[in-house]
Amino acid sequence: MEAILEIILQFLGEVVLQIVIECLSEAGLHMFAEASEKPPNAFVSVLLYTIFGTIAGALSLLILPHPFITNLALREANVLITPLIAGGAMMLVGRWRDKKGQERFGIDRFGYAFVFALSMALIRFNWAI
């Protein structure tokens, strides 16, 4: 039973880290971005969110250099599971913003949030010690 709780807490640590960083990124976008009439190019957006996720992953390693999850198989599973959860959470933030009549950015949509979180998770998987 303790082993299961430990695994859940390890995954929870990774999920919370991803969601906090994505929320901070989303808040930064809303603070500094201007409203645009024309929608951004999807390819460019995916590329930018991949780059931002990579940078966020590298910065997270400066603060938390050790992975929350120590088992290699669970770390591999985390590379997919955590971005799915983070993408879903950011999609809910986007829906909340819609209800309040606020502008949504790409990271408020599942696909872009997933790409951001996947990039971050891959960096943490490869370089966390």
N, C-alpha and C. Protein backbone atom coordinates (compact mmCIF):
# COMPACT_ATOMS: atom_id res chain seq x y z
N MET A 1 0.83 -1.20 0.00
CA MET A 1 0.00 0.00 0.00
C MET A 1 0.87 1.26 0.00
N GLU A 2 1.96 1.23 0.78
CA GLU A 2 2.85 2.38 0.82
C GLU A 2 3.50 2.64 -0.52
N ALA A 3 3.81 1.57 -1.25
CA ALA A 3 4.44 1.71 -2.56
C ALA A 3 3.50 2.40 -3.54
N ILE A 4 2.23 2.06 -3.49
CA ILE A 4 1.25 2.68 -4.38
C ILE A 4 1.10 4.16 -4.05
N LEU A 5 1.04 4.49 -2.78
CA LEU A 5 0.94 5.89 -2.36
C LEU A 5 2.17 6.68 -2.80
N GLU A 6 3.33 6.04 -2.69
CA GLU A 6 4.57 6.70 -3.10
C GLU A 6 4.55 6.99 -4.60
N ILE A 7 4.10 6.04 -5.39
CA ILE A 7 4.02 6.24 -6.85
C ILE A 7 3.04 7.35 -7.18
N ILE A 8 1.89 7.36 -6.52
CA ILE A 8 0.89 8.41 -6.77
C ILE A 8 1.46 9.77 -6.42
N LEU A 9 2.14 9.89 -5.30
CA LEU A 9 2.72 11.17 -4.90
C LEU A 9 3.83 11.62 -5.86
N GLN A 10 4.60 10.67 -6.39
CA GLN A 10 5.64 11.02 -7.35
C GLN A 10 5.02 11.58 -8.63
N PHE A 11 3.99 10.90 -9.14
CA PHE A 11 3.31 11.40 -10.33
C PHE A 11 2.66 12.75 -10.05
N LEU A 12 2.07 12.88 -8.89
CA LEU A 12 1.43 14.14 -8.52
C LEU A 12 2.43 15.28 -8.51
N GLY A 13 3.63 15.03 -8.02
CA GLY A 13 4.68 16.05 -8.03
C GLY A 13 4.99 16.52 -9.44
N GLU A 14 5.14 15.58 -10.37
CA GLU A 14 5.43 15.94 -11.76
C GLU A 14 4.25 16.70 -12.39
N VAL A 15 3.04 16.24 -12.14
CA VAL A 15 1.85 16.88 -12.70
C VAL A 15 1.72 18.30 -12.17
N VAL A 16 1.87 18.48 -10.87
CA VAL A 16 1.74 19.81 -10.28
C VAL A 16 2.82 20.74 -10.84
N LEU A 17 4.05 20.24 -10.98
CA LEU A 17 5.13 21.05 -11.55
C LEU A 17 4.77 21.52 -12.95
N GLN A 18 4.30 20.61 -13.79
CA GLN A 18 3.93 20.94 -15.16
C GLN A 18 2.79 21.96 -15.21
N ILE A 19 1.76 21.73 -14.42
CA ILE A 19 0.61 22.62 -14.46
C ILE A 19 0.97 24.01 -13.93
N VAL A 20 1.76 24.07 -12.88
CA VAL A 20 2.17 25.38 -12.34
C VAL A 20 2.97 26.15 -13.39
N ILE A 21 3.91 25.50 -14.04
CA ILE A 21 4.71 26.19 -15.06
C ILE A 21 3.85 26.59 -16.24
N GLU A 22 2.93 25.75 -16.66
CA GLU A 22 2.05 26.12 -17.77
C GLU A 22 1.14 27.29 -17.39
N CYS A 23 0.64 27.28 -16.18
CA CYS A 23 -0.21 28.40 -15.74
C CYS A 23 0.58 29.70 -15.67
N LEU A 24 1.82 29.63 -15.21
CA LEU A 24 2.66 30.83 -15.19
C LEU A 24 2.93 31.32 -16.62
N SER A 25 3.16 30.38 -17.53
CA SER A 25 3.37 30.76 -18.93
C SER A 25 2.12 31.39 -19.52
N GLU A 26 0.99 30.80 -19.20
CA GLU A 26 -0.28 31.32 -19.70
C GLU A 26 -0.55 32.72 -19.14
N ALA A 27 -0.26 32.91 -17.87
CA ALA A 27 -0.45 34.24 -17.27
C ALA A 27 0.48 35.26 -17.92
N GLY A 28 1.70 34.85 -18.21
CA GLY A 28 2.64 35.74 -18.89
C GLY A 28 2.16 36.11 -20.28
N LEU A 29 1.61 35.14 -21.00
CA LEU A 29 1.06 35.43 -22.32
C LEU A 29 -0.06 36.45 -22.24
N HIS A 30 -0.93 36.28 -21.27
CA HIS A 30 -2.06 37.20 -21.13
C HIS A 30 -1.61 38.59 -20.70
N MET A 31 -0.51 38.67 -19.94
CA MET A 31 -0.03 39.98 -19.50
C MET A 31 0.66 40.75 -20.62
N PHE A 32 1.45 40.04 -21.43
CA PHE A 32 2.32 40.72 -22.38
C PHE A 32 1.87 40.68 -23.83
N ALA A 33 0.95 39.82 -24.17
CA ALA A 33 0.53 39.69 -25.56
C ALA A 33 -0.60 40.66 -25.88
N GLU A 34 -0.60 41.07 -27.12
CA GLU A 34 -1.68 41.93 -27.60
C GLU A 34 -2.71 41.07 -28.33
N ALA A 35 -3.92 41.53 -28.31
CA ALA A 35 -4.97 40.83 -29.04
C ALA A 35 -4.70 40.97 -30.53
N SER A 36 -4.90 39.88 -31.25
CA SER A 36 -4.65 39.87 -32.68
C SER A 36 -5.91 39.43 -33.40
N GLU A 37 -6.19 40.09 -34.50
CA GLU A 37 -7.37 39.74 -35.28
C GLU A 37 -7.16 38.47 -36.09
N LYS A 38 -5.94 38.28 -36.61
CA LYS A 38 -5.72 37.10 -37.44
C LYS A 38 -5.16 35.96 -36.59
N PRO A 39 -5.66 34.74 -36.82
CA PRO A 39 -5.18 33.59 -36.04
C PRO A 39 -3.74 33.25 -36.42
N PRO A 40 -2.92 32.82 -35.46
CA PRO A 40 -1.54 32.49 -35.77
C PRO A 40 -1.45 31.20 -36.58
N ASN A 41 -0.38 31.06 -37.33
CA ASN A 41 -0.12 29.87 -38.10
C ASN A 41 0.07 28.70 -37.13
N ALA A 42 -0.63 27.59 -37.35
CA ALA A 42 -0.59 26.45 -36.43
C ALA A 42 0.80 25.83 -36.36
N PHE A 43 1.50 25.72 -37.49
CA PHE A 43 2.84 25.14 -37.49
C PHE A 43 3.79 25.98 -36.66
N VAL A 44 3.73 27.29 -36.85
CA VAL A 44 4.59 28.19 -36.09
C VAL A 44 4.25 28.12 -34.60
N SER A 45 2.98 28.05 -34.28
CA SER A 45 2.55 27.95 -32.89
C SER A 45 3.08 26.68 -32.23
N VAL A 46 2.97 25.55 -32.93
CA VAL A 46 3.48 24.29 -32.38
C VAL A 46 4.99 24.39 -32.16
N LEU A 47 5.69 24.95 -33.11
CA LEU A 47 7.14 25.13 -32.99
C LEU A 47 7.49 26.01 -31.79
N LEU A 48 6.77 27.11 -31.63
CA LEU A 48 7.03 28.01 -30.51
C LEU A 48 6.71 27.37 -29.17
N TYR A 49 5.60 26.65 -29.07
CA TYR A 49 5.27 25.98 -27.80
C TYR A 49 6.25 24.86 -27.49
N THR A 50 6.80 24.23 -28.53
CA THR A 50 7.84 23.22 -28.31
C THR A 50 9.09 23.88 -27.75
N ILE A 51 9.47 25.01 -28.31
CA ILE A 51 10.64 25.74 -27.82
C ILE A 51 10.41 26.24 -26.40
N PHE A 52 9.24 26.81 -26.15
CA PHE A 52 8.94 27.31 -24.79
C PHE A 52 8.92 26.17 -23.77
N GLY A 53 8.38 25.03 -24.15
CA GLY A 53 8.36 23.87 -23.26
C GLY A 53 9.76 23.36 -22.97
N THR A 54 10.61 23.39 -23.99
CA THR A 54 12.00 22.98 -23.81
C THR A 54 12.71 23.93 -22.85
N ILE A 55 12.50 25.21 -23.02
CA ILE A 55 13.10 26.20 -22.12
C ILE A 55 12.56 26.03 -20.70
N ALA A 56 11.26 25.83 -20.58
CA ALA A 56 10.66 25.63 -19.26
C ALA A 56 11.22 24.37 -18.59
N GLY A 57 11.42 23.31 -19.35
CA GLY A 57 12.01 22.09 -18.81
C GLY A 57 13.43 22.33 -18.32
N ALA A 58 14.21 23.07 -19.09
CA ALA A 58 15.58 23.37 -18.69
C ALA A 58 15.60 24.24 -17.43
N LEU A 59 14.72 25.23 -17.38
CA LEU A 59 14.67 26.08 -16.18
C LEU A 59 14.20 25.30 -14.96
N SER A 60 13.28 24.36 -15.18
CA SER A 60 12.80 23.56 -14.04
C SER A 60 13.93 22.70 -13.47
N LEU A 61 14.88 22.31 -14.33
CA LEU A 61 16.01 21.52 -13.85
C LEU A 61 16.95 22.34 -12.97
N LEU A 62 16.97 23.64 -13.18
CA LEU A 62 17.78 24.51 -12.31
C LEU A 62 17.20 24.56 -10.90
N ILE A 63 15.87 24.53 -10.82
CA ILE A 63 15.19 24.62 -9.52
C ILE A 63 15.06 23.24 -8.88
N LEU A 64 14.63 22.26 -9.68
CA LEU A 64 14.43 20.89 -9.19
C LEU A 64 15.22 19.92 -10.07
N PRO A 65 16.52 19.73 -9.81
CA PRO A 65 17.35 18.91 -10.70
C PRO A 65 17.08 17.41 -10.61
N HIS A 66 16.39 16.97 -9.58
CA HIS A 66 16.11 15.54 -9.40
C HIS A 66 14.66 15.25 -9.80
N PRO A 67 14.45 14.12 -10.47
CA PRO A 67 13.07 13.77 -10.84
C PRO A 67 12.26 13.36 -9.61
N PHE A 68 10.99 13.64 -9.64
CA PHE A 68 10.11 13.18 -8.56
C PHE A 68 9.97 11.66 -8.63
N ILE A 69 9.97 11.12 -9.84
CA ILE A 69 9.78 9.69 -10.06
C ILE A 69 11.15 9.05 -10.28
N THR A 70 11.47 8.03 -9.49
CA THR A 70 12.80 7.43 -9.57
C THR A 70 12.84 6.16 -10.41
N ASN A 71 11.76 5.44 -10.54
CA ASN A 71 11.70 4.21 -11.31
C ASN A 71 11.70 4.54 -12.80
N LEU A 72 12.60 3.90 -13.57
CA LEU A 72 12.73 4.22 -15.00
C LEU A 72 11.45 3.96 -15.78
N ALA A 73 10.79 2.85 -15.54
CA ALA A 73 9.56 2.53 -16.27
C ALA A 73 8.46 3.56 -15.98
N LEU A 74 8.37 3.98 -14.73
CA LEU A 74 7.38 4.99 -14.37
C LEU A 74 7.75 6.35 -14.95
N ARG A 75 9.04 6.66 -15.02
CA ARG A 75 9.46 7.92 -15.65
C ARG A 75 9.11 7.93 -17.13
N GLU A 76 9.26 6.77 -17.78
CA GLU A 76 8.88 6.67 -19.19
C GLU A 76 7.38 6.87 -19.36
N ALA A 77 6.59 6.27 -18.49
CA ALA A 77 5.14 6.45 -18.56
C ALA A 77 4.76 7.90 -18.28
N ASN A 78 5.51 8.53 -17.41
CA ASN A 78 5.25 9.93 -17.05
C ASN A 78 5.39 10.86 -18.24
N VAL A 79 6.26 10.52 -19.18
CA VAL A 79 6.46 11.37 -20.36
C VAL A 79 5.17 11.53 -21.16
N LEU A 80 4.30 10.57 -21.11
CA LEU A 80 3.01 10.67 -21.81
C LEU A 80 1.87 11.06 -20.88
N ILE A 81 1.84 10.50 -19.69
CA ILE A 81 0.71 10.72 -18.78
C ILE A 81 0.63 12.17 -18.31
N THR A 82 1.75 12.72 -17.86
CA THR A 82 1.73 14.08 -17.33
C THR A 82 1.33 15.12 -18.38
N PRO A 83 1.86 15.07 -19.61
CA PRO A 83 1.38 16.03 -20.62
C PRO A 83 -0.11 15.90 -20.93
N LEU A 84 -0.65 14.68 -20.89
CA LEU A 84 -2.09 14.52 -21.11
C LEU A 84 -2.88 15.22 -20.01
N ILE A 85 -2.45 15.05 -18.77
CA ILE A 85 -3.15 15.68 -17.66
C ILE A 85 -2.99 17.20 -17.70
N ALA A 86 -1.76 17.66 -17.96
CA ALA A 86 -1.51 19.11 -18.03
C ALA A 86 -2.29 19.74 -19.18
N GLY A 87 -2.33 19.06 -20.34
CA GLY A 87 -3.10 19.57 -21.47
C GLY A 87 -4.58 19.68 -21.14
N GLY A 88 -5.10 18.68 -20.45
CA GLY A 88 -6.50 18.72 -20.03
C GLY A 88 -6.77 19.85 -19.05
N ALA A 89 -5.85 20.05 -18.12
CA ALA A 89 -6.01 21.13 -17.14
C ALA A 89 -6.01 22.50 -17.83
N MET A 90 -5.11 22.67 -18.78
CA MET A 90 -5.05 23.97 -19.47
C MET A 90 -6.27 24.16 -20.37
N MET A 91 -6.81 23.09 -20.91
CA MET A 91 -8.05 23.19 -21.69
C MET A 91 -9.18 23.67 -20.79
N LEU A 92 -9.23 23.19 -19.56
CA LEU A 92 -10.24 23.66 -18.61
C LEU A 92 -10.05 25.13 -18.27
N VAL A 93 -8.80 25.57 -18.17
CA VAL A 93 -8.52 26.99 -17.94
C VAL A 93 -9.04 27.81 -19.12
N GLY A 94 -8.82 27.29 -20.33
CA GLY A 94 -9.32 27.98 -21.53
C GLY A 94 -10.83 28.09 -21.55
N ARG A 95 -11.52 27.03 -21.16
CA ARG A 95 -12.99 27.07 -21.09
C ARG A 95 -13.45 28.08 -20.04
N TRP A 96 -12.75 28.11 -18.92
CA TRP A 96 -13.07 29.07 -17.86
C TRP A 96 -12.90 30.50 -18.38
N ARG A 97 -11.82 30.74 -19.14
CA ARG A 97 -11.59 32.07 -19.73
C ARG A 97 -12.70 32.42 -20.72
N ASP A 98 -13.14 31.44 -21.51
CA ASP A 98 -14.25 31.67 -22.44
C ASP A 98 -15.51 32.11 -21.70
N LYS A 99 -15.83 31.43 -20.61
CA LYS A 99 -17.03 31.77 -19.84
C LYS A 99 -16.94 33.18 -19.26
N LYS A 100 -15.73 33.62 -18.94
CA LYS A 100 -15.55 34.96 -18.39
C LYS A 100 -15.42 36.02 -19.49
N GLY A 101 -15.43 35.58 -20.75
CA GLY A 101 -15.32 36.51 -21.86
C GLY A 101 -13.90 37.00 -22.11
N GLN A 102 -12.92 36.29 -21.60
CA GLN A 102 -11.52 36.67 -21.79
C GLN A 102 -10.94 36.00 -23.02
N GLU A 103 -9.88 36.59 -23.54
CA GLU A 103 -9.23 36.05 -24.72
C GLU A 103 -8.46 34.78 -24.36
N ARG A 104 -8.52 33.79 -25.27
CA ARG A 104 -7.75 32.55 -25.10
C ARG A 104 -6.53 32.59 -26.00
N PHE A 105 -5.43 32.08 -25.46
CA PHE A 105 -4.22 31.91 -26.26
C PHE A 105 -4.06 30.44 -26.56
N GLY A 106 -3.08 30.12 -27.38
CA GLY A 106 -2.87 28.73 -27.79
C GLY A 106 -2.71 27.78 -26.62
N ILE A 107 -1.99 28.20 -25.60
CA ILE A 107 -1.73 27.31 -24.46
C ILE A 107 -3.01 26.99 -23.69
N ASP A 108 -4.07 27.71 -23.97
CA ASP A 108 -5.37 27.44 -23.36
C ASP A 108 -6.13 26.34 -24.11
N ARG A 109 -5.50 25.77 -25.10
CA ARG A 109 -6.09 24.69 -25.88
C ARG A 109 -5.30 23.41 -25.64
N PHE A 110 -5.96 22.28 -25.69
CA PHE A 110 -5.32 21.01 -25.31
C PHE A 110 -4.06 20.73 -26.13
N GLY A 111 -4.16 20.83 -27.44
CA GLY A 111 -3.04 20.44 -28.30
C GLY A 111 -1.77 21.23 -28.02
N TYR A 112 -1.89 22.54 -27.92
CA TYR A 112 -0.71 23.36 -27.67
C TYR A 112 -0.17 23.14 -26.26
N ALA A 113 -1.06 22.99 -25.30
CA ALA A 113 -0.62 22.73 -23.93
C ALA A 113 0.07 21.36 -23.85
N PHE A 114 -0.44 20.39 -24.58
CA PHE A 114 0.18 19.07 -24.60
C PHE A 114 1.59 19.14 -25.19
N VAL A 115 1.75 19.86 -26.29
CA VAL A 115 3.07 20.00 -26.92
C VAL A 115 4.05 20.67 -25.95
N PHE A 116 3.61 21.72 -25.28
CA PHE A 116 4.44 22.42 -24.30
C PHE A 116 4.86 21.44 -23.19
N ALA A 117 3.89 20.73 -22.62
CA ALA A 117 4.16 19.82 -21.51
C ALA A 117 5.00 18.63 -21.96
N LEU A 118 4.78 18.12 -23.15
CA LEU A 118 5.57 17.00 -23.66
C LEU A 118 7.04 17.41 -23.82
N SER A 119 7.26 18.60 -24.36
CA SER A 119 8.63 19.09 -24.51
C SER A 119 9.30 19.22 -23.15
N MET A 120 8.58 19.77 -22.20
CA MET A 120 9.13 19.92 -20.86
C MET A 120 9.40 18.56 -20.23
N ALA A 121 8.48 17.61 -20.38
CA ALA A 121 8.64 16.28 -19.79
C ALA A 121 9.83 15.54 -20.41
N LEU A 122 10.03 15.70 -21.71
CA LEU A 122 11.17 15.05 -22.36
C LEU A 122 12.49 15.61 -21.87
N ILE A 123 12.56 16.92 -21.67
CA ILE A 123 13.78 17.52 -21.14
C ILE A 123 14.05 17.01 -19.73
N ARG A 124 13.02 16.99 -18.89
CA ARG A 124 13.18 16.51 -17.52
C ARG A 124 13.54 15.02 -17.51
N PHE A 125 12.96 14.24 -18.41
CA PHE A 125 13.26 12.80 -18.48
C PHE A 125 14.73 12.57 -18.84
N ASN A 126 15.21 13.32 -19.83
CA ASN A 126 16.56 13.09 -20.32
C ASN A 126 17.65 13.65 -19.41
N TRP A 127 17.38 14.77 -18.73
CA TRP A 127 18.47 15.43 -18.02
C TRP A 127 18.29 15.55 -16.51
N ALA A 128 17.20 15.12 -15.95
CA ALA A 128 17.07 15.14 -14.49
C ALA A 128 18.00 14.06 -13.93
N ILE A 129 18.69 14.42 -12.88
CA ILE A 129 19.68 13.47 -12.32
C ILE A 129 19.18 12.80 -11.06
